[in-house]
């Protein structure tokens, strides 16, 4: 069973629209040379893939926050 979680990933960079288009499931919001990517992810593997790609592109991740969605029990 996939558990969808809402995630906010804040990075220490102003990411271009071309760059963030590789994350179609995430909404880009830029504030003072940082970018927050927000969206729903299916599982830990998808989150790790996003973080690995950001790292490979030499983007420093400042913060990752996951929150339960309305779909989760508990």
Protein backbone atom coordinates (compact mmCIF):
# COMPACT_ATOMS: atom_id res chain seq x y z
CA UNK A 1 0.00 0.00 0.00
CA UNK A 2 1.33 3.44 -0.93
CA UNK A 3 1.02 6.15 1.71
CA UNK A 4 0.85 9.58 0.14
CA UNK A 5 2.56 12.29 2.15
CA UNK A 6 2.68 16.02 1.61
CA UNK A 7 6.27 17.23 1.44
CA UNK A 8 8.03 20.61 1.52
CA UNK A 9 11.64 20.64 0.32
CA UNK A 10 13.51 23.92 0.77
CA UNK A 11 16.79 24.37 -1.07
CA UNK A 12 19.50 27.03 -0.96
CA UNK A 13 19.06 28.15 -4.57
CA UNK A 14 16.76 29.99 -6.91
CA UNK A 15 15.80 27.10 -9.19
CA UNK A 16 14.80 27.88 -12.76
CA UNK A 17 11.47 26.80 -14.24
CA UNK A 18 13.36 24.48 -16.61
CA UNK A 19 15.05 22.79 -13.65
CA UNK A 20 11.89 22.41 -11.57
CA UNK A 21 9.96 21.03 -14.55
CA UNK A 22 11.69 17.70 -13.84
CA UNK A 23 9.52 17.54 -10.68
CA UNK A 24 6.01 17.86 -12.17
CA UNK A 25 4.41 16.65 -8.92
CA UNK A 26 5.89 19.58 -6.97
CA UNK A 27 4.84 23.24 -6.93
CA UNK A 28 7.69 25.77 -7.03
CA UNK A 29 7.69 28.81 -4.75
CA UNK A 30 10.76 31.10 -4.70
CA UNK A 31 11.66 33.45 -1.84
CA UNK A 32 14.96 35.33 -1.48
CA UNK A 33 17.36 32.91 -3.21
CA UNK A 34 15.62 29.83 -1.85
CA UNK A 35 13.03 27.63 -3.48
CA UNK A 36 10.41 25.49 -1.77
CA UNK A 37 9.04 22.51 -3.69
CA UNK A 38 5.70 21.30 -2.33
CA UNK A 39 3.57 18.37 -3.38
CA UNK A 40 2.37 14.85 -2.72
CA UNK A 41 4.75 11.91 -2.98
CA UNK A 42 3.88 8.22 -2.98
CA UNK A 43 6.57 6.85 -0.68
CA UNK A 44 10.04 7.14 0.83
CA UNK A 45 11.62 5.87 -2.39
CA UNK A 46 10.14 8.74 -4.41
CA UNK A 47 11.33 11.28 -1.81
CA UNK A 48 14.83 9.78 -1.86
CA UNK A 49 14.89 9.95 -5.65
CA UNK A 50 14.03 13.66 -5.57
CA UNK A 51 16.70 14.33 -2.93
CA UNK A 52 19.30 12.31 -4.88
CA UNK A 53 18.57 14.29 -8.05
CA UNK A 54 18.86 17.62 -6.22
CA UNK A 55 22.18 16.46 -4.77
CA UNK A 56 23.43 15.34 -8.19
CA UNK A 57 22.60 18.82 -9.50
CA UNK A 58 24.68 20.32 -6.65
CA UNK A 59 21.65 21.89 -4.95
CA UNK A 60 21.91 22.11 -1.15
CA UNK A 61 18.77 20.97 0.66
CA UNK A 62 18.06 23.16 3.69
CA UNK A 63 14.94 21.48 5.01
CA UNK A 64 12.59 18.58 4.30
CA UNK A 65 9.22 18.46 6.09
CA UNK A 66 6.69 15.68 5.56
CA UNK A 67 3.11 15.96 6.74
CA UNK A 68 0.30 13.43 6.69
CA UNK A 69 -2.40 13.99 4.12
CA UNK A 70 -6.14 13.66 4.68
CA UNK A 71 -5.91 10.22 3.07
CA UNK A 72 -3.85 8.75 5.92
CA UNK A 73 -5.48 6.87 8.76
CA UNK A 74 -4.62 7.75 12.29
